[in-house]
Every structure is written in structure tokens, then in C-alpha cells.
Amino acid sequence: MITVTAASGNLGRLVVEDLLQRGVPAGQIVAAVRNPAKAADLADRGVQVREADYTRPETLAAAFAGTDKLLLISSSEVGQRQAQHKNVVQAAVDAGVAQIAYTSALNADTSGTKLAEEHRITEALIRESGLPYVFLRNGWYIENNTENLATAFQFGTIAGSAGDGRISGATRADLAAAAAAVLTTDGHDGNVYELGGTPFTMTEFAAEVAAQSGKPVAYQNLPADAYTQMLLGAGLPAPLAALLVDSDLGISRGELFTTSTDLERLIGRSSTPLTDAVATAVKTA
């Protein structure tokens, strides 16, 4: 039995789809979700849909019953992850899960970003639990950038504080495929995979958007304070603005870059090129 948490989210759904495409019987897949109604379509296809709220341990015990391999997709609630993930890890121990795979962050053990800190704490929790584990240190989702192209087209710029830092970005689909590969094959216990695609800078990303769309788009690098004020002026909550700026500064320091080929080895092909990812996004922007 393979259980995927946050299975109604963007990454979780892709993992479930990949498992099905790999021939895993629907009845042997558990989609563990906070709101089962949002996964009704998966239930219609025979996938077991179980309620699993990271903040309510009593739901986790039932959700993980009979689980052999568990994919813990990290919580999206920044600042709350430590407590939520602790609940999941304890429930996995209680359920006798044979392996836990965790979607961590690229270079989590060395990165100085605030995002990496929470992932580093979760990795320690998992190691201390005694459970056989696999850490899937996911690189920056290319979609973090491509999902905001409407704003780029409106103003003709993509702003940030990433400087000339190289980003080993990857699509969610590629990272989901890597997770599915780990969940359906053996020999991964204790492994830490740094999962990044072909690197690019934000200047190169903006140039690709301009080339694919035929619209003038350029990257504008800003000092951290100026970028923060811009985000606040756009209506972003202060904690989120601070997190985005902090992540960009991490990029400028090279903390979202890797030379690892783990992603390509796990998915058995080259990662999706930036050109393809941008082309797809431009069509729907």
C-alpha cells in the first residue's frame, strides 16, 4: 500500500497520476487529504481517499493504517511545518510504515534560507524516528515563476533579488515522477536525492519568456529592501514577502543550484527544459 499525503494538491495529484500510469492498482494507493471532497474524482477511479489533517493526529492514524510506503509532501503552511510534520512522523511510526519519503528542499543541510530550516528540522525528526527514509530534496518549482506571467506581461518586468544566481529549477511533473519512481522501486532506504533540473538565472528566464511570448519582458534585480516594499505594495502579507525575499537572496548565494544528476537518474530521462516549461505557460497565461 502506497500512501500519498496532500494528494489533492498540485504535486500530490501528479504523484498519484504517475503511480497509476506505472501500473500500481488504484486500490493500493491511498490519497490522504485534508478534505476528501476535493479528491472525489480519485475515489471514482478506485483510489482509496482518506482524511488526513496534519494538525489532527487522530485522522493520521486511520489514514496510514496498512501503509507500506508513505510519501510525506511537506505542508504549505510556512512556520507551522515543524509541529505538523512531527504529527505525521509519529503517526507513521505508530502505523508501522516500512518507509517514509519526504519532499524536502534542495541543499537543505547547507542552505541558509528560512524555507530550508524547516525542512532541515523535519529531516532530523525523521532520522530520529528510526523509520527507513528517503529524502527527496526538491529544487525550485519552475511553476513558481511561470504561474505569474500575467504580471510580467502587464509591467514588462520580472522583479526580484536573485541577482545572477543560478536556479536548478524543475517542473512539478518531473519531481512527481521522481517521487513515484522511489515509491515503486527498491534500494532507496537512507538515500538523499538532490533533485534539480538544468540551471538558469532569472535574467535567462525573463529572456525566455520574452522569446516565447513575443512581448518585452526583462528581469529587474532589486535590493532586498526595495523588493520587500514592492511586494508589500502589491498586497502580499509581510511574512510571505519576507519569505520570498529571503528565498531570492538564497538564490543569489547559489543555494538553489546543484550539479547533481539525481533527478535525471530517477526519472530515466532528461528533465523538462526551461524552453518547454515556459512555452506551456505562455499558452495559458
Protein backbone atom coordinates (compact mmCIF):
# COMPACT_ATOMS: atom_id res chain seq x y z
CA MET A 1 0.00 0.00 0.00
CA ILE A 2 1.36 3.41 -1.02
CA THR A 3 0.02 6.47 0.77
CA VAL A 4 0.48 9.98 -0.64
CA THR A 5 -0.27 12.89 1.67
CA ALA A 6 -1.61 16.21 0.37
CA ALA A 7 -2.81 14.18 -2.61
CA SER A 8 -5.34 16.79 -3.72
CA GLY A 9 -2.60 19.41 -4.12
CA ASN A 10 -0.62 20.28 -7.22
CA LEU A 11 2.28 17.91 -6.54
CA GLY A 12 0.30 15.16 -4.82
CA ARG A 13 -2.12 14.75 -7.70
CA LEU A 14 0.75 14.39 -10.14
CA VAL A 15 2.34 11.70 -7.97
CA VAL A 16 -0.92 9.73 -7.82
CA GLU A 17 -1.33 10.02 -11.59
CA ASP A 18 2.23 8.81 -12.13
CA LEU A 19 1.70 5.84 -9.82
CA LEU A 20 -1.38 4.85 -11.80
CA GLN A 21 0.49 5.20 -15.08
CA ARG A 22 3.22 2.93 -13.69
CA GLY A 23 0.62 0.22 -13.19
CA VAL A 24 0.07 0.47 -9.45
CA PRO A 25 -3.51 -0.75 -8.85
CA ALA A 26 -5.77 2.11 -7.76
CA GLY A 27 -6.89 0.12 -4.74
CA GLN A 28 -3.30 0.01 -3.47
CA ILE A 29 -2.98 3.79 -3.49
CA VAL A 30 -4.19 5.93 -0.60
CA ALA A 31 -4.82 9.60 -1.30
CA ALA A 32 -4.51 11.17 2.15
CA VAL A 33 -6.15 14.59 2.03
CA ARG A 34 -7.43 17.23 4.41
CA ASN A 35 -10.75 17.49 2.56
CA PRO A 36 -11.85 14.19 0.97
CA ALA A 37 -14.43 16.01 -1.16
CA LYS A 38 -11.57 17.58 -3.14
CA ALA A 39 -10.36 14.11 -4.14
CA ALA A 40 -13.74 12.69 -5.13
CA ASP A 41 -12.51 12.23 -8.69
CA LEU A 42 -9.70 9.99 -7.44
CA ALA A 43 -12.17 7.95 -5.41
CA ASP A 44 -14.25 7.50 -8.56
CA ARG A 45 -11.19 5.89 -10.16
CA GLY A 46 -10.76 3.41 -7.33
CA VAL A 47 -8.10 5.22 -5.31
CA GLN A 48 -8.63 5.00 -1.54
CA VAL A 49 -9.33 8.51 -0.28
CA ARG A 50 -8.79 9.03 3.44
CA GLU A 51 -8.97 12.14 5.58
CA ALA A 52 -5.56 13.22 6.85
CA ASP A 53 -5.12 16.58 8.55
CA TYR A 54 -1.57 17.31 9.68
CA THR A 55 -2.96 19.27 12.65
CA ARG A 56 -5.28 16.45 13.81
CA PRO A 57 -3.25 13.35 14.71
CA GLU A 58 -6.37 11.23 15.15
CA THR A 59 -7.04 11.46 11.40
CA LEU A 60 -3.49 10.42 10.57
CA ALA A 61 -3.68 7.13 12.47
CA ALA A 62 -6.62 5.97 10.36
CA ALA A 63 -5.18 7.36 7.14
CA PHE A 64 -1.89 5.47 7.47
CA ALA A 65 -3.34 2.12 8.51
CA GLY A 66 -1.88 -0.66 6.35
CA THR A 67 0.62 1.67 4.67
CA ASP A 68 3.89 0.19 3.43
CA LYS A 69 5.38 3.27 1.80
CA LEU A 70 4.42 6.80 2.78
CA LEU A 71 5.13 9.96 0.81
CA LEU A 72 5.03 12.96 3.12
CA ILE A 73 4.53 16.02 0.97
CA SER A 74 5.62 18.97 3.07
CA SER A 75 2.98 21.27 4.48
CA SER A 76 2.39 24.54 2.63
CA GLU A 77 1.88 26.38 5.92
CA VAL A 78 5.25 28.01 6.42
CA GLY A 79 6.02 28.45 10.11
CA GLN A 80 3.73 25.57 11.08
CA ARG A 81 5.62 22.77 9.39
CA GLN A 82 7.64 21.56 12.36
CA ALA A 83 4.61 20.74 14.52
CA GLN A 84 2.57 19.38 11.61
CA HIS A 85 5.33 17.15 10.29
CA LYS A 86 6.04 15.86 13.80
CA ASN A 87 2.44 14.64 13.93
CA VAL A 88 2.84 12.85 10.61
CA VAL A 89 6.12 11.19 11.54
CA GLN A 90 4.75 9.94 14.85
CA ALA A 91 1.65 8.56 13.13
CA ALA A 92 3.88 6.80 10.61
CA VAL A 93 5.87 5.20 13.43
CA ASP A 94 2.66 4.11 15.18
CA ALA A 95 1.31 2.64 11.95
CA GLY A 96 4.45 0.60 11.34
CA VAL A 97 5.16 2.21 7.98
CA ALA A 98 8.05 0.45 6.26
CA GLN A 99 9.43 3.55 4.52
CA ILE A 100 8.80 7.29 4.59
CA ALA A 101 9.79 9.51 1.70
CA TYR A 102 9.81 13.26 2.39
CA THR A 103 9.73 16.16 -0.05
CA SER A 104 12.45 18.36 1.37
CA ALA A 105 14.31 21.30 -0.19
CA LEU A 106 17.40 21.42 -2.37
CA ASN A 107 20.59 21.63 -0.29
CA ALA A 108 18.50 21.58 2.90
CA ASP A 109 21.51 20.70 5.05
CA THR A 110 23.61 23.68 3.91
CA SER A 111 21.15 26.35 2.74
CA GLY A 112 20.73 29.43 4.90
CA THR A 113 17.18 30.18 3.73
CA LYS A 114 14.24 30.19 6.13
CA LEU A 115 12.48 27.60 3.98
CA ALA A 116 15.40 25.21 4.26
CA GLU A 117 15.45 25.50 8.05
CA GLU A 118 12.01 23.94 8.43
CA HIS A 119 12.93 21.13 6.06
CA ARG A 120 16.19 20.53 7.92
CA ILE A 121 14.25 20.16 11.19
CA THR A 122 11.84 17.68 9.57
CA GLU A 123 14.70 15.62 8.17
CA ALA A 124 16.13 15.39 11.70
CA LEU A 125 12.74 14.31 13.07
CA ILE A 126 12.53 11.54 10.51
CA ARG A 127 16.07 10.34 11.15
CA GLU A 128 15.42 10.27 14.90
CA SER A 129 12.19 8.31 14.39
CA GLY A 130 14.10 5.22 13.30
CA LEU A 131 11.94 4.82 10.19
CA PRO A 132 13.65 3.83 6.94
CA TYR A 133 13.62 7.07 4.96
CA VAL A 134 14.27 8.71 1.60
CA PHE A 135 14.73 12.46 1.33
CA LEU A 136 13.58 13.98 -1.95
CA ARG A 137 15.19 17.40 -1.85
CA ASN A 138 13.09 19.10 -4.48
CA GLY A 139 14.54 22.01 -6.39
CA TRP A 140 12.71 25.26 -7.06
CA TYR A 141 9.46 24.64 -8.92
CA ILE A 142 9.67 26.35 -12.30
CA GLU A 143 5.95 26.94 -11.85
CA ASN A 144 6.78 29.36 -9.02
CA ASN A 145 7.82 31.68 -11.83
CA THR A 146 5.68 30.62 -14.77
CA GLU A 147 2.42 30.93 -12.84
CA ASN A 148 2.92 34.69 -12.54
CA LEU A 149 3.46 35.59 -16.19
CA ALA A 150 0.35 37.76 -16.44
CA THR A 151 2.00 40.31 -14.14
CA ALA A 152 5.21 40.12 -16.15
CA PHE A 153 3.31 40.88 -19.36
CA GLN A 154 1.44 43.74 -17.70
CA PHE A 155 4.54 45.55 -16.48
CA GLY A 156 7.19 44.20 -18.84
CA THR A 157 9.43 43.20 -15.95
CA ILE A 158 10.03 40.34 -13.55
CA ALA A 159 11.39 41.76 -10.31
CA GLY A 160 13.41 40.06 -7.62
CA SER A 161 16.61 39.98 -5.61
CA ALA A 162 18.13 36.82 -7.06
CA GLY A 163 20.97 38.59 -8.84
CA ASP A 164 22.88 36.29 -11.17
CA GLY A 165 22.25 33.24 -9.00
CA ARG A 166 21.65 30.01 -10.90
CA ILE A 167 18.48 28.07 -10.16
CA SER A 168 18.31 24.32 -10.73
CA GLY A 169 14.58 24.55 -11.34
CA ALA A 170 12.38 21.60 -12.22
CA THR A 171 8.74 21.16 -13.13
CA ARG A 172 6.32 19.66 -10.63
CA ALA A 173 5.67 16.84 -13.10
CA ASP A 174 9.36 15.87 -13.13
CA LEU A 175 9.59 15.97 -9.34
CA ALA A 176 6.39 13.94 -9.06
CA ALA A 177 7.86 11.36 -11.42
CA ALA A 178 10.94 11.11 -9.23
CA ALA A 179 8.79 10.52 -6.16
CA ALA A 180 6.75 7.86 -7.96
CA ALA A 181 9.95 6.13 -9.08
CA VAL A 182 11.15 5.92 -5.49
CA LEU A 183 7.78 4.65 -4.27
CA THR A 184 7.63 1.86 -6.86
CA THR A 185 11.21 0.57 -6.73
CA ASP A 186 13.57 -0.73 -4.06
CA GLY A 187 17.04 0.25 -2.92
CA HIS A 188 16.36 3.81 -1.80
CA ASP A 189 16.42 3.49 2.01
CA GLY A 190 18.70 6.08 3.58
CA ASN A 191 19.28 7.93 0.32
CA VAL A 192 19.20 11.71 -0.01
CA TYR A 193 18.41 12.90 -3.51
CA GLU A 194 19.19 16.44 -4.65
CA LEU A 195 16.61 16.98 -7.37
CA GLY A 196 17.33 19.84 -9.72
CA GLY A 197 16.97 20.45 -13.44
CA THR A 198 19.09 22.37 -15.94
CA PRO A 199 20.03 25.64 -14.21
CA PHE A 200 19.04 29.13 -15.31
CA THR A 201 19.27 32.66 -13.98
CA MET A 202 16.28 34.95 -13.65
CA THR A 203 17.70 37.08 -16.46
CA GLU A 204 17.71 33.99 -18.67
CA PHE A 205 14.20 33.09 -17.52
CA ALA A 206 12.87 36.54 -18.45
CA ALA A 207 14.62 36.38 -21.82
CA GLU A 208 12.97 33.00 -22.50
CA VAL A 209 9.55 34.41 -21.59
CA ALA A 210 10.12 37.31 -23.97
CA ALA A 211 11.25 35.00 -26.77
CA GLN A 212 8.32 32.60 -26.34
CA SER A 213 5.66 35.30 -25.98
CA GLY A 214 6.98 37.94 -28.34
CA LYS A 215 6.42 40.52 -25.60
CA PRO A 216 9.05 42.74 -23.98
CA VAL A 217 9.92 41.17 -20.63
CA ALA A 218 13.14 41.73 -18.69
CA TYR A 219 14.43 40.85 -15.25
CA GLN A 220 14.84 43.73 -12.81
CA ASN A 221 17.15 42.99 -9.90
CA LEU A 222 16.33 44.99 -6.78
CA PRO A 223 17.96 45.45 -3.40
CA ALA A 224 16.23 43.36 -0.75
CA ASP A 225 14.58 46.35 0.92
CA ALA A 226 13.19 47.65 -2.37
CA TYR A 227 11.88 44.24 -3.36
CA THR A 228 10.24 43.86 0.03
CA GLN A 229 8.46 47.20 -0.33
CA MET A 230 7.34 46.29 -3.83
CA LEU A 231 5.78 43.04 -2.59
CA LEU A 232 4.10 44.77 0.34
CA GLY A 233 2.77 47.41 -2.04
CA ALA A 234 1.28 44.63 -4.16
CA GLY A 235 -0.71 43.49 -1.14
CA LEU A 236 1.34 40.48 0.00
CA PRO A 237 1.31 39.74 3.74
CA ALA A 238 4.56 40.77 5.43
CA PRO A 239 5.58 37.18 6.37
CA LEU A 240 5.14 35.98 2.78
CA ALA A 241 7.01 38.97 1.38
CA ALA A 242 9.88 38.31 3.78
CA LEU A 243 9.96 34.65 2.77
CA LEU A 244 10.08 35.44 -0.96
CA VAL A 245 12.86 37.96 -0.50
CA ASP A 246 14.79 35.54 1.70
CA SER A 247 14.45 32.83 -0.95
CA ASP A 248 15.72 35.18 -3.65
CA LEU A 249 18.73 36.06 -1.53
CA GLY A 250 19.35 32.34 -1.18
CA ILE A 251 19.28 32.06 -4.96
CA SER A 252 21.82 34.89 -5.23
CA ARG A 253 24.12 32.90 -2.91
CA GLY A 254 23.82 29.79 -5.08
CA GLU A 255 21.75 27.81 -2.60
CA LEU A 256 19.15 26.68 -5.13
CA PHE A 257 21.76 25.30 -7.52
CA THR A 258 23.08 21.75 -7.74
CA THR A 259 25.30 19.75 -10.05
CA SER A 260 23.52 16.56 -9.02
CA THR A 261 22.04 14.33 -11.72
CA ASP A 262 19.74 12.53 -9.26
CA LEU A 263 16.59 13.79 -10.95
CA GLU A 264 17.53 12.51 -14.39
CA ARG A 265 18.62 9.15 -12.98
CA LEU A 266 15.36 8.64 -11.08
CA ILE A 267 13.03 9.60 -13.94
CA GLY A 268 15.15 7.90 -16.61
CA ARG A 269 15.28 10.89 -18.93
CA SER A 270 16.40 14.49 -19.13
CA SER A 271 14.46 16.95 -17.02
CA THR A 272 11.96 19.20 -18.81
CA PRO A 273 13.86 22.06 -20.50
CA LEU A 274 13.09 25.62 -19.44
CA THR A 275 12.06 26.36 -23.02
CA ASP A 276 9.31 23.73 -22.88
CA ALA A 277 8.08 24.78 -19.44
CA VAL A 278 7.87 28.43 -20.47
CA ALA A 279 6.22 27.60 -23.79
CA THR A 280 3.46 25.68 -21.99
CA ALA A 281 2.94 28.51 -19.52
CA VAL A 282 2.82 31.24 -22.17
CA LYS A 283 -0.03 29.44 -23.94
CA THR A 284 -2.21 29.65 -20.83
CA ALA A 285 -1.10 33.00 -19.41
